[in-house]
Every structure is written in C-alpha cells, then in structure tokens.
PDB file of N, CA and C in Angstrom:
ATOM      1  N   MET A   1     177.033  99.425 112.616  1.00  0.00           N
ATOM      2  CA  MET A   1     178.090  98.561 112.123  1.00  0.00           C
ATOM      3  C   MET A   1     178.123  97.295 112.959  1.00  0.00           C
ATOM      4  N   SER A   2     178.157  96.149 112.316  1.00  0.00           N
ATOM      5  CA  SER A   2     178.251  94.895 113.054  1.00  0.00           C
ATOM      6  C   SER A   2     179.637  94.303 112.859  1.00  0.00           C
ATOM      7  N   ILE A   3     180.035  93.519 113.842  1.00  0.00           N
ATOM      8  CA  ILE A   3     181.328  92.856 113.785  1.00  0.00           C
ATOM      9  C   ILE A   3     181.116  91.455 113.260  1.00  0.00           C
ATOM     10  N   SER A   4     181.837  91.077 112.219  1.00  0.00           N
ATOM     11  CA  SER A   4     181.711  89.748 111.642  1.00  0.00           C
ATOM     12  C   SER A   4     182.307  88.727 112.589  1.00  0.00           C
ATOM     13  N   PRO A   5     181.616  87.607 112.807  1.00  0.00           N
ATOM     14  CA  PRO A   5     182.186  86.574 113.661  1.00  0.00           C
ATOM     15  C   PRO A   5     183.390  85.932 112.990  1.00  0.00           C
ATOM     16  N   ASP A   6     184.324  85.514 113.808  1.00  0.00           N
ATOM     17  CA  ASP A   6     185.505  84.810 113.316  1.00  0.00           C
ATOM     18  C   ASP A   6     185.041  83.458 112.773  1.00  0.00           C
ATOM     19  N   PRO A   7     185.365  83.142 111.516  1.00  0.00           N
ATOM     20  CA  PRO A   7     184.919  81.863 110.957  1.00  0.00           C
ATOM     21  C   PRO A   7     185.497  80.662 111.705  1.00  0.00           C
ATOM     22  N   ARG A   8     186.549  80.886 112.473  1.00  0.00           N
ATOM     23  CA  ARG A   8     187.150  79.799 113.250  1.00  0.00           C
ATOM     24  C   ARG A   8     186.555  79.692 114.650  1.00  0.00           C
ATOM     25  N   SER A   9     185.579  80.533 115.007  1.00  0.00           N
ATOM     26  CA  SER A   9     185.096  80.558 116.392  1.00  0.00           C
ATOM     27  C   SER A   9     184.552  79.210 116.852  1.00  0.00           C
ATOM     28  N   GLY A  10     183.943  78.437 115.964  1.00  0.00           N
ATOM     29  CA  GLY A  10     183.468  77.106 116.338  1.00  0.00           C
ATOM     30  C   GLY A  10     184.604  76.178 116.720  1.00  0.00           C
ATOM     31  N   GLN A  11     185.696  76.250 115.949  1.00  0.00           N
ATOM     32  CA  GLN A  11     186.874  75.437 116.264  1.00  0.00           C
ATOM     33  C   GLN A  11     187.516  75.900 117.562  1.00  0.00           C
ATOM     34  N   ILE A  12     187.570  77.195 117.774  1.00  0.00           N
ATOM     35  CA  ILE A  12     188.157  77.742 118.999  1.00  0.00           C
ATOM     36  C   ILE A  12     187.311  77.335 120.194  1.00  0.00           C
ATOM     37  N   ALA A  13     185.994  77.452 120.072  1.00  0.00           N
ATOM     38  CA  ALA A  13     185.093  77.067 121.159  1.00  0.00           C
ATOM     39  C   ALA A  13     185.262  75.588 121.501  1.00  0.00           C
ATOM     40  N   ALA A  14     185.354  74.735 120.491  1.00  0.00           N
ATOM     41  CA  ALA A  14     185.535  73.299 120.732  1.00  0.00           C
ATOM     42  C   ALA A  14     186.863  73.021 121.428  1.00  0.00           C
ATOM     43  N   ALA A  15     187.909  73.716 121.013  1.00  0.00           N
ATOM     44  CA  ALA A  15     189.224  73.527 121.641  1.00  0.00           C
ATOM     45  C   ALA A  15     189.198  73.962 123.100  1.00  0.00           C
ATOM     46  N   ILE A  16     188.520  75.063 123.387  1.00  0.00           N
ATOM     47  CA  ILE A  16     188.406  75.530 124.774  1.00  0.00           C
ATOM     48  C   ILE A  16     187.609  74.513 125.591  1.00  0.00           C
ATOM     49  N   SER A  17     186.490  74.043 125.058  1.00  0.00           N
ATOM     50  CA  SER A  17     185.693  73.023 125.765  1.00  0.00           C
ATOM     51  C   SER A  17     186.538  71.806 126.104  1.00  0.00           C
ATOM     52  N   ASN A  18     187.273  71.312 125.118  1.00  0.00           N
ATOM     53  CA  ASN A  18     188.107  70.125 125.346  1.00  0.00           C
ATOM     54  C   ASN A  18     189.157  70.370 126.412  1.00  0.00           C
ATOM     55  N   GLU A  19     189.753  71.548 126.392  1.00  0.00           N
ATOM     56  CA  GLU A  19     190.795  71.836 127.370  1.00  0.00           C
ATOM     57  C   GLU A  19     190.217  72.020 128.767  1.00  0.00           C
ATOM     58  N   VAL A  20     189.071  72.670 128.883  1.00  0.00           N
ATOM     59  CA  VAL A  20     188.430  72.841 130.190  1.00  0.00           C
ATOM     60  C   VAL A  20     188.078  71.469 130.776  1.00  0.00           C
ATOM     61  N   VAL A  21     187.505  70.601 129.972  1.00  0.00           N
ATOM     62  CA  VAL A  21     187.179  69.243 130.431  1.00  0.00           C
ATOM     63  C   VAL A  21     188.450  68.517 130.867  1.00  0.00           C
ATOM     64  N   GLY A  22     189.517  68.651 130.101  1.00  0.00           N
ATOM     65  CA  GLY A  22     190.782  67.997 130.444  1.00  0.00           C
ATOM     66  C   GLY A  22     191.362  68.493 131.752  1.00  0.00           C
ATOM     67  N   VAL A  23     191.338  69.793 131.960  1.00  0.00           N
ATOM     68  CA  VAL A  23     191.851  70.358 133.223  1.00  0.00           C
ATOM     69  C   VAL A  23     191.029  69.815 134.392  1.00  0.00           C
ATOM     70  N   LEU A  24     189.715  69.845 134.264  1.00  0.00           N
ATOM     71  CA  LEU A  24     188.862  69.331 135.347  1.00  0.00           C
ATOM     72  C   LEU A  24     189.094  67.846 135.590  1.00  0.00           C
ATOM     73  N   ARG A  25     189.251  67.080 134.533  1.00  0.00           N
ATOM     74  CA  ARG A  25     189.501  65.642 134.680  1.00  0.00           C
ATOM     75  C   ARG A  25     190.805  65.390 135.429  1.00  0.00           C
ATOM     76  N   ARG A  26     191.844  66.123 135.045  1.00  0.00           N
ATOM     77  CA  ARG A  26     193.144  65.925 135.701  1.00  0.00           C
ATOM     78  C   ARG A  26     193.113  66.352 137.160  1.00  0.00           C
ATOM     79  N   GLN A  27     192.370  67.375 137.475  1.00  0.00           N
ATOM     80  CA  GLN A  27     192.391  67.924 138.833  1.00  0.00           C
ATOM     81  C   GLN A  27     191.366  67.295 139.777  1.00  0.00           C
ATOM     82  N   THR A  28     190.250  66.791 139.256  1.00  0.00           N
ATOM     83  CA  THR A  28     189.218  66.239 140.130  1.00  0.00           C
ATOM     84  C   THR A  28     189.081  64.725 139.999  1.00  0.00           C
ATOM     85  N   GLY A  29     189.731  64.143 139.003  1.00  0.00           N
ATOM     86  CA  GLY A  29     189.630  62.710 138.796  1.00  0.00           C
ATOM     87  C   GLY A  29     188.548  62.320 137.801  1.00  0.00           C
ATOM     88  N   ARG A  30     187.719  63.303 137.423  1.00  0.00           N
ATOM     89  CA  ARG A  30     186.649  63.035 136.461  1.00  0.00           C
ATOM     90  C   ARG A  30     186.230  64.363 135.854  1.00  0.00           C
ATOM     91  N   GLY A  31     186.133  64.394 134.551  1.00  0.00           N
ATOM     92  CA  GLY A  31     185.688  65.611 133.887  1.00  0.00           C
ATOM     93  C   GLY A  31     184.221  65.530 133.545  1.00  0.00           C
ATOM     94  N   PRO A  32     183.613  66.663 133.246  1.00  0.00           N
ATOM     95  CA  PRO A  32     182.219  66.657 132.824  1.00  0.00           C
ATOM     96  C   PRO A  32     182.070  65.881 131.518  1.00  0.00           C
ATOM     97  N   THR A  33     180.893  65.300 131.307  1.00  0.00           N
ATOM     98  CA  THR A  33     180.671  64.555 130.071  1.00  0.00           C
ATOM     99  C   THR A  33     180.071  65.444 128.988  1.00  0.00           C
ATOM    100  N   ILE A  34     179.594  66.624 129.384  1.00  0.00           N
ATOM    101  CA  ILE A  34     179.026  67.570 128.423  1.00  0.00           C
ATOM    102  C   ILE A  34     179.676  68.925 128.650  1.00  0.00           C
ATOM    103  N   SER A  35     180.114  69.544 127.569  1.00  0.00           N
ATOM    104  CA  SER A  35     180.722  70.864 127.657  1.00  0.00           C
ATOM    105  C   SER A  35     180.396  71.634 126.387  1.00  0.00           C
ATOM    106  N   LYS A  36     179.899  72.829 126.570  1.00  0.00           N
ATOM    107  CA  LYS A  36     179.612  73.681 125.419  1.00  0.00           C
ATOM    108  C   LYS A  36     180.170  75.069 125.699  1.00  0.00           C
ATOM    109  N   THR A  37     180.953  75.563 124.773  1.00  0.00           N
ATOM    110  CA  THR A  37     181.559  76.883 124.911  1.00  0.00           C
ATOM    111  C   THR A  37     180.977  77.810 123.866  1.00  0.00           C
ATOM    112  N   THR A  38     180.637  79.002 124.322  1.00  0.00           N
ATOM    113  CA  THR A  38     180.119  80.039 123.452  1.00  0.00           C
ATOM    114  C   THR A  38     181.047  81.240 123.540  1.00  0.00           C
ATOM    115  N   ILE A  39     181.367  81.809 122.391  1.00  0.00           N
ATOM    116  CA  ILE A  39     182.231  82.988 122.341  1.00  0.00           C
ATOM    117  C   ILE A  39     181.428  84.129 121.740  1.00  0.00           C
ATOM    118  N   SER A  40     181.396  85.243 122.455  1.00  0.00           N
ATOM    119  CA  SER A  40     180.657  86.409 121.997  1.00  0.00           C
ATOM    120  C   SER A  40     181.444  87.664 122.350  1.00  0.00           C
ATOM    121  N   GLU A  41     182.037  88.269 121.352  1.00  0.00           N
ATOM    122  CA  GLU A  41     182.846  89.479 121.499  1.00  0.00           C
ATOM    123  C   GLU A  41     183.853  89.371 122.644  1.00  0.00           C
ATOM    124  N   ASP A  42     183.512  89.917 123.823  1.00  0.00           N
ATOM    125  CA  ASP A  42     184.462  89.947 124.942  1.00  0.00           C
ATOM    126  C   ASP A  42     184.128  88.932 126.023  1.00  0.00           C
ATOM    127  N   LEU A  43     183.391  87.896 125.664  1.00  0.00           N
ATOM    128  CA  LEU A  43     182.940  86.919 126.646  1.00  0.00           C
ATOM    129  C   LEU A  43     183.074  85.500 126.104  1.00  0.00           C
ATOM    130  N   VAL A  44     183.638  84.627 126.925  1.00  0.00           N
ATOM    131  CA  VAL A  44     183.715  83.196 126.628  1.00  0.00           C
ATOM    132  C   VAL A  44     183.018  82.485 127.778  1.00  0.00           C
ATOM    133  N   VAL A  45     182.015  81.681 127.458  1.00  0.00           N
ATOM    134  CA  VAL A  45     181.251  80.971 128.489  1.00  0.00           C
ATOM    135  C   VAL A  45     181.283  79.480 128.216  1.00  0.00           C
ATOM    136  N   CYS A  46     181.705  78.717 129.223  1.00  0.00           N
ATOM    137  CA  CYS A  46     181.693  77.260 129.151  1.00  0.00           C
ATOM    138  C   CYS A  46     180.613  76.758 130.104  1.00  0.00           C
ATOM    139  N   VAL A  47     179.633  76.061 129.547  1.00  0.00           N
ATOM    140  CA  VAL A  47     178.594  75.435 130.352  1.00  0.00           C
ATOM    141  C   VAL A  47     178.906  73.946 130.382  1.00  0.00           C
ATOM    142  N   LEU A  48     178.993  73.403 131.585  1.00  0.00           N
ATOM    143  CA  LEU A  48     179.397  72.011 131.785  1.00  0.00           C
ATOM    144  C   LEU A  48     178.265  71.246 132.448  1.00  0.00           C
ATOM    145  N   ALA A  49     178.123  69.976 132.117  1.00  0.00           N
ATOM    146  CA  ALA A  49     177.096  69.146 132.733  1.00  0.00           C
ATOM    147  C   ALA A  49     177.666  67.777 133.062  1.00  0.00           C
ATOM    148  N   ASP A  50     177.027  67.127 134.015  1.00  0.00           N
ATOM    149  CA  ASP A  50     177.480  65.826 134.503  1.00  0.00           C
ATOM    150  C   ASP A  50     178.908  65.961 135.016  1.00  0.00           C
ATOM    151  N   THR A  51     179.068  66.834 135.997  1.00  0.00           N
ATOM    152  CA  THR A  51     180.397  67.196 136.487  1.00  0.00           C
ATOM    153  C   THR A  51     180.830  66.464 137.750  1.00  0.00           C
ATOM    154  N   LEU A  52     179.882  65.988 138.535  1.00  0.00           N
ATOM    155  CA  LEU A  52     180.201  65.464 139.864  1.00  0.00           C
ATOM    156  C   LEU A  52     180.864  64.095 139.814  1.00  0.00           C
ATOM    157  N   THR A  53     181.804  63.897 140.727  1.00  0.00           N
ATOM    158  CA  THR A  53     182.442  62.589 140.887  1.00  0.00           C
ATOM    159  C   THR A  53     181.502  61.676 141.666  1.00  0.00           C
ATOM    160  N   VAL A  54     181.809  60.394 141.706  1.00  0.00           N
ATOM    161  CA  VAL A  54     181.006  59.443 142.475  1.00  0.00           C
ATOM    162  C   VAL A  54     181.005  59.852 143.948  1.00  0.00           C
ATOM    163  N   GLY A  55     182.150  60.240 144.461  1.00  0.00           N
ATOM    164  CA  GLY A  55     182.241  60.661 145.862  1.00  0.00           C
ATOM    165  C   GLY A  55     181.381  61.889 146.146  1.00  0.00           C
ATOM    166  N   GLU A  56     181.393  62.842 145.224  1.00  0.00           N
ATOM    167  CA  GLU A  56     180.561  64.036 145.400  1.00  0.00           C
ATOM    168  C   GLU A  56     179.081  63.683 145.364  1.00  0.00           C
ATOM    169  N   ARG A  57     178.705  62.782 144.485  1.00  0.00           N
ATOM    170  CA  ARG A  57     177.294  62.355 144.424  1.00  0.00           C
ATOM    171  C   ARG A  57     176.879  61.654 145.716  1.00  0.00           C
ATOM    172  N   THR A  58     177.804  60.879 146.285  1.00  0.00           N
ATOM    173  CA  THR A  58     177.529  60.224 147.558  1.00  0.00           C
ATOM    174  C   THR A  58     177.290  61.269 148.645  1.00  0.00           C
ATOM    175  N   LEU A  59     178.106  62.315 148.668  1.00  0.00           N
ATOM    176  CA  LEU A  59     177.915  63.383 149.652  1.00  0.00           C
ATOM    177  C   LEU A  59     176.586  64.098 149.443  1.00  0.00           C
ATOM    178  N   VAL A  60     176.238  64.381 148.198  1.00  0.00           N
ATOM    179  CA  VAL A  60     174.960  65.031 147.899  1.00  0.00           C
ATOM    180  C   VAL A  60     173.811  64.165 148.394  1.00  0.00           C
ATOM    181  N   ASP A  61     173.862  62.871 148.087  1.00  0.00           N
ATOM    182  CA  ASP A  61     172.808  61.953 148.522  1.00  0.00           C
ATOM    183  C   ASP A  61     172.711  61.882 150.047  1.00  0.00           C
ATOM    184  N   GLY A  62     173.827  62.134 150.721  1.00  0.00           N
ATOM    185  CA  GLY A  62     173.848  62.117 152.187  1.00  0.00           C
ATOM    186  C   GLY A  62     173.507  63.462 152.816  1.00  0.00           C
ATOM    187  N   GLY A  63     173.057  64.411 151.991  1.00  0.00           N
ATOM    188  CA  GLY A  63     172.633  65.698 152.529  1.00  0.00           C
ATOM    189  C   GLY A  63     173.722  66.751 152.645  1.00  0.00           C
ATOM    190  N   HIS A  64     174.824  66.556 151.953  1.00  0.00           N
ATOM    191  CA  HIS A  64     175.957  67.491 152.064  1.00  0.00           C
ATOM    192  C   HIS A  64     176.222  68.245 150.761  1.00  0.00           C
ATOM    193  N   ALA A  65     175.169  68.643 150.091  1.00  0.00           N
ATOM    194  CA  ALA A  65     175.316  69.344 148.810  1.00  0.00           C
ATOM    195  C   ALA A  65     176.126  70.625 148.950  1.00  0.00           C
ATOM    196  N   GLN A  66     175.904  71.383 150.017  1.00  0.00           N
ATOM    197  CA  GLN A  66     176.637  72.642 150.174  1.00  0.00           C
ATOM    198  C   GLN A  66     178.138  72.408 150.310  1.00  0.00           C
ATOM    199  N   SER A  67     178.518  71.325 150.972  1.00  0.00           N
ATOM    200  CA  SER A  67     179.943  70.997 151.088  1.00  0.00           C
ATOM    201  C   SER A  67     180.546  70.699 149.716  1.00  0.00           C
ATOM    202  N   VAL A  68     179.782  70.033 148.871  1.00  0.00           N
ATOM    203  CA  VAL A  68     180.243  69.733 147.510  1.00  0.00           C
ATOM    204  C   VAL A  68     180.418  71.033 146.727  1.00  0.00           C
ATOM    205  N   VAL A  69     179.439  71.934 146.809  1.00  0.00           N
ATOM    206  CA  VAL A  69     179.536  73.223 146.109  1.00  0.00           C
ATOM    207  C   VAL A  69     180.742  74.002 146.623  1.00  0.00           C
ATOM    208  N   ASP A  70     180.946  74.016 147.941  1.00  0.00           N
ATOM    209  CA  ASP A  70     182.084  74.740 148.511  1.00  0.00           C
ATOM    210  C   ASP A  70     183.414  74.148 148.031  1.00  0.00           C
ATOM    211  N   THR A  71     183.498  72.828 147.977  1.00  0.00           N
ATOM    212  CA  THR A  71     184.722  72.175 147.504  1.00  0.00           C
ATOM    213  C   THR A  71     184.948  72.458 146.030  1.00  0.00           C
ATOM    214  N   ARG A  72     183.881  72.437 145.235  1.00  0.00           N
ATOM    215  CA  ARG A  72     184.001  72.750 143.817  1.00  0.00           C
ATOM    216  C   ARG A  72     184.522  74.178 143.621  1.00  0.00           C
ATOM    217  N   ARG A  73     184.074  75.099 144.442  1.00  0.00           N
ATOM    218  CA  ARG A  73     184.572  76.480 144.345  1.00  0.00           C
ATOM    219  C   ARG A  73     186.067  76.543 144.652  1.00  0.00           C
ATOM    220  N   LEU A  74     186.522  75.730 145.595  1.00  0.00           N
ATOM    221  CA  LEU A  74     187.960  75.676 145.881  1.00  0.00           C
ATOM    222  C   LEU A  74     188.727  75.132 144.672  1.00  0.00           C
ATOM    223  N   TYR A  75     188.214  74.057 144.067  1.00  0.00           N
ATOM    224  CA  TYR A  75     188.841  73.534 142.843  1.00  0.00           C
ATOM    225  C   TYR A  75     188.932  74.627 141.787  1.00  0.00           C
ATOM    226  N   GLN A  76     187.824  75.334 141.594  1.00  0.00           N
ATOM    227  CA  GLN A  76     187.794  76.368 140.554  1.00  0.00           C
ATOM    228  C   GLN A  76     188.827  77.454 140.832  1.00  0.00           C
ATOM    229  N   ALA A  77     189.000  77.819 142.083  1.00  0.00           N
ATOM    230  CA  ALA A  77     189.997  78.844 142.416  1.00  0.00           C
ATOM    231  C   ALA A  77     191.411  78.345 142.106  1.00  0.00           C
ATOM    232  N   VAL A  78     191.672  77.089 142.410  1.00  0.00           N
ATOM    233  CA  VAL A  78     193.007  76.525 142.207  1.00  0.00           C
ATOM    234  C   VAL A  78     193.318  76.325 140.720  1.00  0.00           C
ATOM    235  N   ILE A  79     192.329  75.920 139.930  1.00  0.00           N
ATOM    236  CA  ILE A  79     192.589  75.654 138.515  1.00  0.00           C
ATOM    237  C   ILE A  79     192.357  76.871 137.628  1.00  0.00           C
ATOM    238  N   ARG A  80     191.939  77.977 138.222  1.00  0.00           N
ATOM    239  CA  ARG A  80     191.673  79.190 137.439  1.00  0.00           C
ATOM    240  C   ARG A  80     192.846  79.576 136.531  1.00  0.00           C
ATOM    241  N   PRO A  81     194.106  79.539 137.002  1.00  0.00           N
ATOM    242  CA  PRO A  81     195.208  79.898 136.092  1.00  0.00           C
ATOM    243  C   PRO A  81     195.295  78.982 134.861  1.00  0.00           C
ATOM    244  N   ALA A  82     195.066  77.691 135.034  1.00  0.00           N
ATOM    245  CA  ALA A  82     195.128  76.775 133.889  1.00  0.00           C
ATOM    246  C   ALA A  82     193.975  77.035 132.923  1.00  0.00           C
ATOM    247  N   LEU A  83     192.790  77.293 133.451  1.00  0.00           N
ATOM    248  CA  LEU A  83     191.648  77.589 132.586  1.00  0.00           C
ATOM    249  C   LEU A  83     191.852  78.910 131.848  1.00  0.00           C
ATOM    250  N   THR A  84     192.358  79.900 132.565  1.00  0.00           N
ATOM    251  CA  THR A  84     192.629  81.203 131.950  1.00  0.00           C
ATOM    252  C   THR A  84     193.647  81.059 130.833  1.00  0.00           C
ATOM    253  N   ALA A  85     194.703  80.302 131.078  1.00  0.00           N
ATOM    254  CA  ALA A  85     195.738  80.090 130.057  1.00  0.00           C
ATOM    255  C   ALA A  85     195.148  79.428 128.815  1.00  0.00           C
ATOM    256  N   ALA A  86     194.242  78.476 129.006  1.00  0.00           N
ATOM    257  CA  ALA A  86     193.617  77.801 127.867  1.00  0.00           C
ATOM    258  C   ALA A  86     192.821  78.787 127.024  1.00  0.00           C
ATOM    259  N   VAL A  87     192.033  79.624 127.677  1.00  0.00           N
ATOM    260  CA  VAL A  87     191.219  80.595 126.941  1.00  0.00           C
ATOM    261  C   VAL A  87     192.116  81.605 126.232  1.00  0.00           C
ATOM    262  N   GLU A  88     193.133  82.086 126.917  1.00  0.00           N
ATOM    263  CA  GLU A  88     194.032  83.065 126.296  1.00  0.00           C
ATOM    264  C   GLU A  88     194.785  82.466 125.116  1.00  0.00           C
ATOM    265  N   THR A  89     195.226  81.227 125.248  1.00  0.00           N
ATOM    266  CA  THR A  89     195.942  80.568 124.157  1.00  0.00           C
ATOM    267  C   THR A  89     195.054  80.414 122.928  1.00  0.00           C
ATOM    268  N   HIS A  90     193.835  79.974 123.135  1.00  0.00           N
ATOM    269  CA  HIS A  90     192.957  79.687 121.997  1.00  0.00           C
ATOM    270  C   HIS A  90     192.309  80.932 121.392  1.00  0.00           C
ATOM    271  N   THR A  91     192.141  81.976 122.196  1.00  0.00           N
ATOM    272  CA  THR A  91     191.521  83.195 121.654  1.00  0.00           C
ATOM    273  C   THR A  91     192.555  84.232 121.241  1.00  0.00           C
ATOM    274  N   GLY A  92     193.769  84.122 121.784  1.00  0.00           N
ATOM    275  CA  GLY A  92     194.781  85.143 121.524  1.00  0.00           C
ATOM    276  C   GLY A  92     194.471  86.449 122.240  1.00  0.00           C
ATOM    277  N   ARG A  93     193.640  86.385 123.265  1.00  0.00           N
ATOM    278  CA  ARG A  93     193.208  87.581 123.997  1.00  0.00           C
ATOM    279  C   ARG A  93     193.466  87.398 125.482  1.00  0.00           C
ATOM    280  N   THR A  94     193.532  88.510 126.189  1.00  0.00           N
ATOM    281  CA  THR A  94     193.778  88.497 127.622  1.00  0.00           C
ATOM    282  C   THR A  94     192.463  88.367 128.385  1.00  0.00           C
ATOM    283  N   VAL A  95     192.447  87.446 129.337  1.00  0.00           N
ATOM    284  CA  VAL A  95     191.305  87.290 130.231  1.00  0.00           C
ATOM    285  C   VAL A  95     191.488  88.282 131.381  1.00  0.00           C
ATOM    286  N   ILE A  96     190.463  89.113 131.620  1.00  0.00           N
ATOM    287  CA  ILE A  96     190.563  90.104 132.693  1.00  0.00           C
ATOM    288  C   ILE A  96     189.729  89.728 133.915  1.00  0.00           C
ATOM    289  N   ALA A  97     188.827  88.762 133.776  1.00  0.00           N
ATOM    290  CA  ALA A  97     188.030  88.293 134.915  1.00  0.00           C
ATOM    291  C   ALA A  97     187.494  86.899 134.614  1.00  0.00           C
ATOM    292  N   VAL A  98     187.361  86.115 135.678  1.00  0.00           N
ATOM    293  CA  VAL A  98     186.808  84.765 135.566  1.00  0.00           C
ATOM    294  C   VAL A  98     185.733  84.618 136.634  1.00  0.00           C
ATOM    295  N   LEU A  99     184.574  84.113 136.211  1.00  0.00           N
ATOM    296  CA  LEU A  99     183.479  83.853 137.142  1.00  0.00           C
ATOM    297  C   LEU A  99     183.110  82.381 137.020  1.00  0.00           C
ATOM    298  N   SER A 100     182.976  81.713 138.159  1.00  0.00           N
ATOM    299  CA  SER A 100     182.691  80.284 138.170  1.00  0.00           C
ATOM    300  C   SER A 100     181.560  80.003 139.152  1.00  0.00           C
ATOM    301  N   ASP A 101     180.735  79.014 138.819  1.00  0.00           N
ATOM    302  CA  ASP A 101     179.721  78.581 139.773  1.00  0.00           C
ATOM    303  C   ASP A 101     179.275  77.164 139.435  1.00  0.00           C
ATOM    304  N   ASN A 102     178.605  76.550 140.411  1.00  0.00           N
ATOM    305  CA  ASN A 102     178.138  75.171 140.305  1.00  0.00           C
ATOM    306  C   ASN A 102     176.696  75.075 140.758  1.00  0.00           C
ATOM    307  N   HIS A 103     176.015  74.084 140.221  1.00  0.00           N
ATOM    308  CA  HIS A 103     174.641  73.806 140.623  1.00  0.00           C
ATOM    309  C   HIS A 103     174.531  72.294 140.758  1.00  0.00           C
ATOM    310  N   ILE A 104     173.869  71.848 141.818  1.00  0.00           N
ATOM    311  CA  ILE A 104     173.815  70.410 142.088  1.00  0.00           C
ATOM    312  C   ILE A 104     172.726  69.687 141.296  1.00  0.00           C
ATOM    313  N   ASP A 105     171.522  70.223 141.284  1.00  0.00           N
ATOM    314  CA  ASP A 105     170.421  69.530 140.611  1.00  0.00           C
ATOM    315  C   ASP A 105     169.664  70.501 139.726  1.00  0.00           C
ATOM    316  N   PRO A 106     169.910  70.510 138.435  1.00  0.00           N
ATOM    317  CA  PRO A 106     170.722  69.542 137.704  1.00  0.00           C
ATOM    318  C   PRO A 106     172.216  69.815 137.895  1.00  0.00           C
ATOM    319  N   ASP A 107     172.993  68.777 137.679  1.00  0.00           N
ATOM    320  CA  ASP A 107     174.450  68.801 137.846  1.00  0.00           C
ATOM    321  C   ASP A 107     175.082  69.611 136.710  1.00  0.00           C
ATOM    322  N   THR A 108     175.252  70.902 136.966  1.00  0.00           N
ATOM    323  CA  THR A 108     175.819  71.801 135.954  1.00  0.00           C
ATOM    324  C   THR A 108     176.813  72.747 136.596  1.00  0.00           C
ATOM    325  N   ALA A 109     177.674  73.283 135.764  1.00  0.00           N
ATOM    326  CA  ALA A 109     178.645  74.285 136.210  1.00  0.00           C
ATOM    327  C   ALA A 109     178.865  75.269 135.071  1.00  0.00           C
ATOM    328  N   ILE A 110     179.422  76.404 135.428  1.00  0.00           N
ATOM    329  CA  ILE A 110     179.715  77.421 134.424  1.00  0.00           C
ATOM    330  C   ILE A 110     181.078  78.033 134.714  1.00  0.00           C
ATOM    331  N   GLU A 111     181.802  78.288 133.651  1.00  0.00           N
ATOM    332  CA  GLU A 111     183.060  79.039 133.701  1.00  0.00           C
ATOM    333  C   GLU A 111     182.895  80.173 132.700  1.00  0.00           C
ATOM    334  N   ALA A 112     182.930  81.384 133.173  1.00  0.00           N
ATOM    335  CA  ALA A 112     182.778  82.543 132.294  1.00  0.00           C
ATOM    336  C   ALA A 112     184.057  83.370 132.342  1.00  0.00           C
ATOM    337  N   PHE A 113     184.542  83.740 131.177  1.00  0.00           N
ATOM    338  CA  PHE A 113     185.796  84.481 131.039  1.00  0.00           C
ATOM    339  C   PHE A 113     185.508  85.803 130.333  1.00  0.00           C
ATOM    340  N   ILE A 114     185.819  86.883 130.987  1.00  0.00           N
ATOM    341  CA  ILE A 114     185.652  88.198 130.371  1.00  0.00           C
ATOM    342  C   ILE A 114     186.998  88.577 129.782  1.00  0.00           C
ATOM    343  N   LEU A 115     186.974  88.916 128.506  1.00  0.00           N
ATOM    344  CA  LEU A 115     188.200  89.246 127.779  1.00  0.00           C
ATOM    345  C   LEU A 115     188.411  90.750 127.758  1.00  0.00           C
ATOM    346  N   GLU A 116     189.675  91.124 127.716  1.00  0.00           N
ATOM    347  CA  GLU A 116     189.994  92.539 127.564  1.00  0.00           C
ATOM    348  C   GLU A 116     189.392  93.034 126.254  1.00  0.00           C
ATOM    349  N   PRO A 117     188.679  94.138 126.296  1.00  0.00           N
ATOM    350  CA  PRO A 117     188.042  94.631 125.052  1.00  0.00           C
ATOM    351  C   PRO A 117     189.074  94.905 123.970  1.00  0.00           C
ATOM    352  N   ARG A 118     188.680  94.609 122.752  1.00  0.00           N
ATOM    353  CA  ARG A 118     189.506  94.956 121.599  1.00  0.00           C
ATOM    354  C   ARG A 118     189.320  96.431 121.295  1.00  0.00           C
ATOM    355  N   ASP A 119     190.314  97.026 120.692  1.00  0.00           N
ATOM    356  CA  ASP A 119     190.168  98.392 120.218  1.00  0.00           C
ATOM    357  C   ASP A 119     189.291  98.325 118.982  1.00  0.00           C
ATOM    358  N   ARG A 120     188.066  98.771 119.117  1.00  0.00           N
ATOM    359  CA  ARG A 120     187.098  98.655 118.020  1.00  0.00           C
ATOM    360  C   ARG A 120     187.176  99.825 117.045  1.00  0.00           C
ATOM    361  N   GLY A 121     187.919 100.837 117.408  1.00  0.00           N
ATOM    362  CA  GLY A 121     188.026 101.975 116.513  1.00  0.00           C
ATOM    363  C   GLY A 121     186.691 102.690 116.336  1.00  0.00           C
ATOM    364  N   VAL A 122     186.686 103.727 115.544  1.00  0.00           N
ATOM    365  CA  VAL A 122     185.444 104.458 115.270  1.00  0.00           C
ATOM    366  C   VAL A 122     185.291 104.718 113.806  1.00  0.00           C
TER     367      VAL A 122
END
C-alpha cells in the first residue's frame, strides 16, 4: 500500500522555504538566496544556499571558517523554536527533532525536521 502525496505539498514546501529564509534574514541580517524544501512522510528538509553574510565571508577568507560554522550553529540553536513553529504551522504536524548543519564551500546549510509519525493504521 502506498500513501498518496498531499496535492498541496508543493505549496506547503514553498511556504516553509519562504518562512525559513525570513527567519534567517531577520536573525542574521541576510537570508539565503536559494532555498528548497522537500517533504517526505515524516521528514521535512530545507536545503539552503548562499547563506553567508559579508562579515562571515570575510572571516572565511581570513582563515576562520570554523568560527563561522560554530557561530552558525549558535544561530540555529537560538532560532530553532521559530523554525519549528513554521514547520508545525504549515504541516499541521508536531516536530519531534531538528537537525541543522552548515558547509562553507560550497556555501550551503540544511535544516531537517523529523515529524511525529502519523497513525498509519493497518
């Protein structure tokens, strides 16, 4: 038995992408220019690109990439409640775990949200 995808999942994914970019923009001063969200059963994944601020790029160029990654992880921890709320609002489901990470070259980041499983019945 397969589960039919929600016909609105594309709209939901776009809304989540827009909200994630907005939260990052408000909190870091600049949001990513590329964001793609994928929804698959109990998983929502946002892949972001072109995320670094001018100041962060300056630090990377000066050999401080690890400091930028560490600071980005702090941002992610602080904004996790806002990101979780966005996913829960748009999916109507509870987020039970959030995983975040950053990569400097190429400039990408990921926000992954694990949703509470639905009762799939038998």
